[in-house]
């Protein structure tokens, strides 16, 4: 019901019912408990330190090749199972895939010496072996999202296990271009920002620093998230999605110091992955070693990982079957809306040994 006034010609009429809904939902957001996250049934397969390997069984198994998800070290992976009917994992299990997810966990100060070497060789590799054994399959599909895609690509280039398919989404491969304040990138590349001293002091990058970094990189959008809520708070579906997204974006995890040191020096600064100079343990990481079927996904509205950062992998691998797809989505909305499950299924269904 709109209320008219003598100023109707100057200001739009006030929709009383709409405004009541808006402020009611804002009040609920500020006072109600956080929404429940993670709805898809799962079982624990393996655990090491803080990391857990989860298995999400297919509702009706249609494919012999399971999907193994590798998520970023910066965030918690429940964005992949954020809500019923919008869950990436639920969407894939509904479509007949067995899904495995390696949750890296939340590192404490005692984990400050864990580097990318350890994460890849002792955590990821072991988890992949356990997933293969648990599934009864001889090979699997590795799926990496964001930095998880970078880690999955590094692992796939040195893997002794059978990786039939490699799927990477919103993945940074070429770090010659960094998203964020120009001075940050210049300071890091020129050595003005001493990452080593910072890590030596803190040991583990605090979660609050990780959140502040993402706020700065995605400003002004991230700073204005409450404004976005207020603008559409009359819509209950939007409010529910906003609450889940807000929980995830403010629920950052600390970053193990040694892993961040390698990430900053070897990738951000040295761009060694593209140059073929990255070392993981005593192994040289050469993306040309990847012969798995490759599927690369970028988002049109990604404000964290540019398309130019992902595209180079297409020319760096030796895969004969490789596909690149640009989808209408943002860096997070690709997962938040469940669209990722649809895109993965369209490509993977013919490459996953249909039963």
Protein backbone atom coordinates (compact mmCIF):
# COMPACT_ATOMS: atom_id res chain seq x y z
CA UNK A 1 0.00 0.00 0.00
CA UNK A 2 1.56 3.29 -1.11
CA UNK A 3 0.91 6.46 0.89
CA UNK A 4 0.61 9.64 -1.16
CA UNK A 5 1.50 13.12 0.05
CA UNK A 6 1.66 16.70 -1.29
CA UNK A 7 5.28 15.96 -2.18
CA UNK A 8 4.43 12.97 -4.40
CA UNK A 9 5.69 14.83 -7.45
CA UNK A 10 9.05 15.38 -5.77
CA UNK A 11 9.46 12.07 -3.94
CA UNK A 12 8.16 8.60 -4.81
CA UNK A 13 5.16 7.48 -2.75
CA UNK A 14 5.95 5.50 0.41
CA UNK A 15 5.01 1.82 0.21
CA UNK A 16 4.11 1.23 3.84
CA UNK A 17 3.89 -2.57 3.63
CA UNK A 18 7.20 -2.80 1.81
CA UNK A 19 8.91 -0.62 4.42
CA UNK A 20 7.48 -2.71 7.26
CA UNK A 21 8.95 -5.85 5.66
CA UNK A 22 12.27 -4.09 5.09
CA UNK A 23 12.80 -3.02 8.70
CA UNK A 24 11.38 -6.25 10.10
CA UNK A 25 14.00 -8.23 8.17
CA UNK A 26 16.78 -5.83 9.17
CA UNK A 27 15.80 -6.32 12.82
CA UNK A 28 15.83 -10.10 12.36
CA UNK A 29 19.28 -10.03 10.77
CA UNK A 30 20.65 -8.04 13.69
CA UNK A 31 19.03 -10.14 16.43
CA UNK A 32 18.38 -13.71 15.27
CA UNK A 33 20.95 -16.56 15.38
CA UNK A 34 23.07 -17.11 12.30
CA UNK A 35 21.58 -19.40 9.66
CA UNK A 36 22.44 -23.08 9.63
CA UNK A 37 25.16 -23.96 7.12
CA UNK A 38 25.86 -27.35 5.58
CA UNK A 39 22.83 -29.48 4.79
CA UNK A 40 24.09 -32.25 2.52
CA UNK A 41 24.62 -35.60 4.33
CA UNK A 42 28.29 -36.47 4.74
CA UNK A 43 30.67 -38.79 6.55
CA UNK A 44 34.25 -38.30 7.70
CA UNK A 45 36.74 -40.44 5.76
CA UNK A 46 40.11 -39.25 7.05
CA UNK A 47 41.60 -36.64 9.37
CA UNK A 48 45.06 -35.16 9.79
CA UNK A 49 45.74 -32.40 12.30
CA UNK A 50 42.99 -29.81 11.63
CA UNK A 51 42.12 -31.10 8.15
CA UNK A 52 39.20 -33.42 7.40
CA UNK A 53 38.25 -35.34 4.26
CA UNK A 54 34.47 -35.50 3.85
CA UNK A 55 32.46 -37.82 1.64
CA UNK A 56 29.08 -36.77 0.26
CA UNK A 57 27.48 -39.87 -1.33
CA UNK A 58 25.47 -39.60 -4.52
CA UNK A 59 21.73 -39.92 -3.96
CA UNK A 60 21.62 -42.32 -6.89
CA UNK A 61 25.08 -43.03 -8.24
CA UNK A 62 25.35 -42.48 -12.00
CA UNK A 63 29.10 -42.03 -12.50
CA UNK A 64 32.14 -44.15 -11.70
CA UNK A 65 34.55 -41.23 -11.35
CA UNK A 66 34.13 -39.26 -8.09
CA UNK A 67 34.66 -35.52 -7.73
CA UNK A 68 37.32 -34.32 -5.27
CA UNK A 69 37.02 -30.65 -4.21
CA UNK A 70 40.02 -28.54 -3.19
CA UNK A 71 39.06 -25.18 -1.73
CA UNK A 72 41.06 -22.07 -0.91
CA UNK A 73 43.21 -21.80 2.21
CA UNK A 74 41.80 -18.31 2.83
CA UNK A 75 38.15 -19.23 3.45
CA UNK A 76 35.96 -21.96 4.87
CA UNK A 77 34.59 -24.34 2.24
CA UNK A 78 30.97 -24.35 3.39
CA UNK A 79 30.23 -21.82 0.63
CA UNK A 80 29.98 -24.98 -1.49
CA UNK A 81 27.11 -26.24 0.70
CA UNK A 82 25.62 -22.91 1.72
CA UNK A 83 21.88 -23.63 1.54
CA UNK A 84 19.35 -26.19 0.31
CA UNK A 85 18.65 -25.90 -3.44
CA UNK A 86 21.60 -23.50 -3.77
CA UNK A 87 24.32 -25.94 -2.71
CA UNK A 88 27.02 -26.90 -5.19
CA UNK A 89 27.65 -30.20 -3.42
CA UNK A 90 23.96 -31.04 -3.13
CA UNK A 91 23.50 -30.20 -6.80
CA UNK A 92 26.23 -32.66 -7.78
CA UNK A 93 25.13 -35.48 -5.48
CA UNK A 94 21.60 -35.02 -6.84
CA UNK A 95 23.04 -35.46 -10.33
CA UNK A 96 24.64 -38.78 -9.41
CA UNK A 97 28.22 -37.91 -8.41
CA UNK A 98 30.08 -39.11 -5.33
CA UNK A 99 31.74 -35.99 -3.93
CA UNK A 100 34.77 -35.65 -1.67
CA UNK A 101 35.85 -32.38 -0.04
CA UNK A 102 39.13 -31.66 1.72
CA UNK A 103 38.45 -29.14 4.49
CA UNK A 104 41.84 -27.67 5.42
CA UNK A 105 40.58 -26.64 8.86
CA UNK A 106 41.59 -23.68 11.02
CA UNK A 107 45.33 -23.47 11.70
CA UNK A 108 46.58 -22.37 15.10
CA UNK A 109 49.90 -20.86 16.10
CA UNK A 110 51.32 -24.36 16.42
CA UNK A 111 50.78 -24.74 12.64
CA UNK A 112 52.91 -21.73 11.69
CA UNK A 113 55.55 -23.89 9.96
CA UNK A 114 53.10 -25.65 7.64
CA UNK A 115 53.96 -24.59 4.09
CA UNK A 116 52.45 -25.22 0.68
CA UNK A 117 54.81 -28.19 0.42
CA UNK A 118 53.24 -29.84 3.45
CA UNK A 119 49.68 -28.98 2.48
CA UNK A 120 50.14 -30.48 -0.98
CA UNK A 121 52.41 -33.45 -0.35
CA UNK A 122 51.22 -34.62 3.08
CA UNK A 123 47.63 -33.44 3.24
CA UNK A 124 46.24 -33.24 -0.30
CA UNK A 125 48.12 -36.22 -1.71
CA UNK A 126 47.16 -38.46 1.21
CA UNK A 127 43.54 -37.31 1.04
CA UNK A 128 43.39 -38.09 -2.69
CA UNK A 129 44.75 -41.59 -2.03
CA UNK A 130 42.16 -42.12 0.69
CA UNK A 131 39.35 -40.90 -1.58
CA UNK A 132 40.42 -43.24 -4.38
CA UNK A 133 40.56 -46.18 -1.97
CA UNK A 134 37.28 -45.25 -0.29
CA UNK A 135 35.44 -44.81 -3.59
CA UNK A 136 36.74 -48.01 -5.14
CA UNK A 137 37.60 -46.03 -8.28
CA UNK A 138 40.99 -46.07 -9.96
CA UNK A 139 40.98 -42.36 -10.74
CA UNK A 140 39.11 -39.19 -9.89
CA UNK A 141 38.20 -35.68 -10.99
CA UNK A 142 40.04 -32.92 -9.14
CA UNK A 143 37.98 -29.73 -8.72
CA UNK A 144 39.70 -26.56 -7.48
CA UNK A 145 38.01 -23.27 -6.64
CA UNK A 146 39.95 -19.97 -6.42
CA UNK A 147 43.29 -20.56 -4.67
CA UNK A 148 42.14 -24.15 -4.31
CA UNK A 149 42.36 -24.31 -8.11
CA UNK A 150 45.94 -23.07 -7.97
CA UNK A 151 46.80 -25.73 -5.39
CA UNK A 152 44.98 -28.40 -7.40
CA UNK A 153 46.93 -27.40 -10.53
CA UNK A 154 50.24 -27.54 -8.68
CA UNK A 155 49.39 -30.96 -7.29
CA UNK A 156 48.15 -32.29 -10.64
CA UNK A 157 51.51 -31.39 -12.21
CA UNK A 158 53.45 -33.57 -9.75
CA UNK A 159 50.79 -36.17 -8.88
CA UNK A 160 51.59 -39.86 -9.00
CA UNK A 161 47.90 -40.68 -8.53
CA UNK A 162 45.48 -40.97 -11.46
CA UNK A 163 43.79 -37.62 -12.08
CA UNK A 164 41.46 -38.18 -15.02
CA UNK A 165 39.93 -34.69 -15.06
CA UNK A 166 41.05 -31.34 -13.69
CA UNK A 167 38.42 -28.63 -13.21
CA UNK A 168 39.49 -25.19 -11.98
CA UNK A 169 37.21 -22.21 -11.42
CA UNK A 170 38.06 -18.55 -10.82
CA UNK A 171 41.66 -19.71 -10.54
CA UNK A 172 44.72 -17.43 -10.29
CA UNK A 173 47.58 -18.92 -12.31
CA UNK A 174 49.37 -15.86 -13.67
CA UNK A 175 50.19 -13.48 -10.81
CA UNK A 176 51.82 -10.79 -12.95
CA UNK A 177 48.58 -8.86 -12.45
CA UNK A 178 47.29 -8.58 -8.89
CA UNK A 179 43.85 -7.35 -7.92
CA UNK A 180 43.79 -4.74 -5.17
CA UNK A 181 45.34 -1.39 -4.29
CA UNK A 182 48.18 -0.59 -6.70
CA UNK A 183 50.52 0.36 -3.87
CA UNK A 184 50.12 -3.07 -2.32
CA UNK A 185 51.16 -4.82 -5.51
CA UNK A 186 54.06 -2.42 -6.06
CA UNK A 187 55.23 -2.77 -2.47
CA UNK A 188 55.13 -6.55 -2.63
CA UNK A 189 56.93 -6.85 -5.97
CA UNK A 190 59.52 -4.17 -5.13
CA UNK A 191 60.23 -5.63 -1.71
CA UNK A 192 58.99 -2.57 0.19
CA UNK A 193 56.57 -4.80 2.09
CA UNK A 194 58.65 -7.36 3.94
CA UNK A 195 56.45 -10.44 4.18
CA UNK A 196 59.15 -12.46 5.92
CA UNK A 197 59.46 -10.06 8.86
CA UNK A 198 55.67 -9.87 9.18
CA UNK A 199 55.36 -13.66 9.34
CA UNK A 200 58.31 -14.02 11.72
CA UNK A 201 56.46 -11.75 14.14
CA UNK A 202 52.95 -13.18 13.81
CA UNK A 203 53.64 -16.82 12.97
CA UNK A 204 50.09 -17.22 11.65
CA UNK A 205 48.23 -14.49 9.77
CA UNK A 206 45.25 -13.60 12.03
CA UNK A 207 41.75 -14.12 10.64
CA UNK A 208 40.95 -10.43 11.19
CA UNK A 209 43.87 -9.49 8.90
CA UNK A 210 42.63 -11.89 6.23
CA UNK A 211 39.17 -10.33 6.39
CA UNK A 212 40.62 -6.81 6.22
CA UNK A 213 42.64 -7.80 3.15
CA UNK A 214 39.55 -9.03 1.31
CA UNK A 215 37.60 -5.94 2.34
CA UNK A 216 40.30 -3.73 0.84
CA UNK A 217 40.62 -5.77 -2.35
CA UNK A 218 36.87 -5.80 -3.02
CA UNK A 219 36.09 -2.23 -1.88
CA UNK A 220 33.73 -0.42 -2.20
CA UNK A 221 31.34 -3.35 -2.68
CA UNK A 222 32.43 -5.24 0.41
CA UNK A 223 32.33 -2.16 2.60
CA UNK A 224 28.77 -1.43 1.52
CA UNK A 225 27.21 -4.83 2.22
CA UNK A 226 24.84 -3.44 4.87
CA UNK A 227 23.72 -0.77 2.41
CA UNK A 228 22.96 -3.53 -0.08
CA UNK A 229 20.97 -5.34 2.60
CA UNK A 230 18.96 -2.25 3.47
CA UNK A 231 18.18 -1.62 -0.19
CA UNK A 232 16.61 -5.08 -0.66
CA UNK A 233 15.63 -6.04 2.88
CA UNK A 234 11.95 -6.23 1.88
CA UNK A 235 12.76 -9.38 -0.15
CA UNK A 236 12.93 -12.43 2.19
CA UNK A 237 14.80 -14.60 -0.36
CA UNK A 238 17.47 -11.96 -0.80
CA UNK A 239 17.76 -11.49 2.98
CA UNK A 240 18.29 -15.22 3.52
CA UNK A 241 20.98 -15.31 0.82
CA UNK A 242 22.59 -12.14 2.26
CA UNK A 243 22.72 -13.63 5.77
CA UNK A 244 24.46 -16.77 4.55
CA UNK A 245 26.90 -14.80 2.42
CA UNK A 246 27.62 -12.37 5.26
CA UNK A 247 28.29 -15.25 7.66
CA UNK A 248 30.78 -16.74 5.24
CA UNK A 249 32.60 -13.48 4.40
CA UNK A 250 33.06 -12.60 8.08
CA UNK A 251 34.02 -16.14 9.08
CA UNK A 252 37.61 -16.02 7.85
CA UNK A 253 40.33 -18.43 8.90
CA UNK A 254 43.92 -17.69 9.92
CA UNK A 255 46.62 -18.47 7.35
CA UNK A 256 49.61 -20.61 8.26
CA UNK A 257 52.67 -18.35 8.17
CA UNK A 258 55.02 -20.52 6.13
CA UNK A 259 52.33 -21.19 3.52
CA UNK A 260 51.68 -17.46 3.22
CA UNK A 261 55.40 -16.81 2.90
CA UNK A 262 55.62 -19.20 -0.07
CA UNK A 263 52.44 -17.80 -1.58
CA UNK A 264 53.66 -14.21 -1.33
CA UNK A 265 57.27 -14.76 -2.39
CA UNK A 266 56.96 -17.55 -4.95
CA UNK A 267 53.59 -16.73 -6.53
CA UNK A 268 52.56 -13.13 -5.84
CA UNK A 269 56.06 -11.74 -6.19
CA UNK A 270 58.02 -14.29 -8.24
CA UNK A 271 55.16 -15.59 -10.44
CA UNK A 272 57.07 -18.88 -10.46
CA UNK A 273 54.10 -21.07 -11.40
CA UNK A 274 53.85 -19.53 -14.86
CA UNK A 275 57.63 -19.39 -15.25
CA UNK A 276 58.01 -23.08 -14.38
CA UNK A 277 60.31 -22.24 -11.47
CA UNK A 278 58.11 -23.25 -8.52
CA UNK A 279 59.48 -25.99 -6.27
CA UNK A 280 57.29 -28.14 -4.03
CA UNK A 281 59.64 -30.12 -1.85
CA UNK A 282 62.28 -31.42 -4.24
CA UNK A 283 59.93 -31.45 -7.23
CA UNK A 284 59.79 -28.82 -9.94
CA UNK A 285 56.23 -27.78 -10.75
CA UNK A 286 55.79 -27.73 -14.52
CA UNK A 287 52.20 -27.36 -15.70
CA UNK A 288 53.18 -29.09 -18.94
CA UNK A 289 53.12 -32.33 -16.93
CA UNK A 290 49.32 -32.04 -16.71
CA UNK A 291 47.71 -34.31 -19.28
CA UNK A 292 44.33 -34.70 -17.58
CA UNK A 293 41.20 -33.50 -19.34
CA UNK A 294 41.04 -29.81 -18.40
CA UNK A 295 38.05 -27.54 -17.77
CA UNK A 296 38.69 -23.89 -16.85
CA UNK A 297 35.85 -21.63 -15.67
CA UNK A 298 35.98 -17.85 -15.30
CA UNK A 299 33.27 -15.41 -14.18
CA UNK A 300 32.35 -12.24 -16.04
CA UNK A 301 31.90 -10.19 -12.86
CA UNK A 302 34.82 -11.54 -10.86
CA UNK A 303 36.42 -8.72 -8.87
CA UNK A 304 39.02 -10.93 -7.17
CA UNK A 305 40.50 -13.10 -9.94
CA UNK A 306 40.68 -11.62 -13.42
CA UNK A 307 40.11 -13.68 -16.54
CA UNK A 308 43.66 -12.82 -17.64
CA UNK A 309 44.97 -14.55 -14.52
CA UNK A 310 43.20 -17.82 -15.39
CA UNK A 311 43.59 -18.05 -19.17
CA UNK A 312 47.34 -18.83 -19.30
CA UNK A 313 46.81 -22.35 -17.95
CA UNK A 314 45.15 -23.25 -21.25
CA UNK A 315 48.48 -22.88 -23.06
CA UNK A 316 50.69 -24.19 -20.25
CA UNK A 317 49.23 -27.70 -19.91
CA UNK A 318 49.70 -30.66 -22.26
CA UNK A 319 46.06 -31.78 -22.12
CA UNK A 320 44.55 -32.72 -25.46
CA UNK A 321 41.00 -32.34 -24.15
CA UNK A 322 40.73 -28.83 -22.72
CA UNK A 323 37.78 -26.46 -22.49
CA UNK A 324 37.45 -22.85 -21.40
CA UNK A 325 34.12 -21.35 -20.34
CA UNK A 326 33.18 -17.82 -19.31
CA UNK A 327 29.98 -17.72 -17.25
CA UNK A 328 27.74 -14.86 -16.17
CA UNK A 329 28.51 -14.73 -12.44
CA UNK A 330 30.73 -13.21 -9.79
CA UNK A 331 33.67 -14.74 -7.95
CA UNK A 332 31.46 -16.01 -5.12
CA UNK A 333 28.00 -16.05 -6.72
CA UNK A 334 29.18 -18.86 -9.01
CA UNK A 335 29.13 -21.05 -5.90
CA UNK A 336 26.55 -19.17 -3.82
CA UNK A 337 23.77 -19.71 -6.37
CA UNK A 338 24.64 -23.35 -7.08
CA UNK A 339 25.42 -22.48 -10.71
CA UNK A 340 28.82 -24.13 -10.37
CA UNK A 341 27.17 -27.56 -10.06
CA UNK A 342 25.31 -27.07 -13.32
CA UNK A 343 28.43 -25.95 -15.19
CA UNK A 344 30.54 -28.81 -13.80
CA UNK A 345 27.91 -31.41 -14.67
CA UNK A 346 27.57 -30.18 -18.25
CA UNK A 347 31.26 -30.86 -18.84
CA UNK A 348 32.04 -33.73 -16.46
CA UNK A 349 29.06 -36.00 -17.21
CA UNK A 350 30.62 -37.32 -20.42
CA UNK A 351 34.06 -37.67 -18.80
CA UNK A 352 33.11 -39.43 -15.54
CA UNK A 353 32.48 -43.00 -16.72
CA UNK A 354 28.64 -43.02 -16.79
CA UNK A 355 27.31 -46.22 -15.22
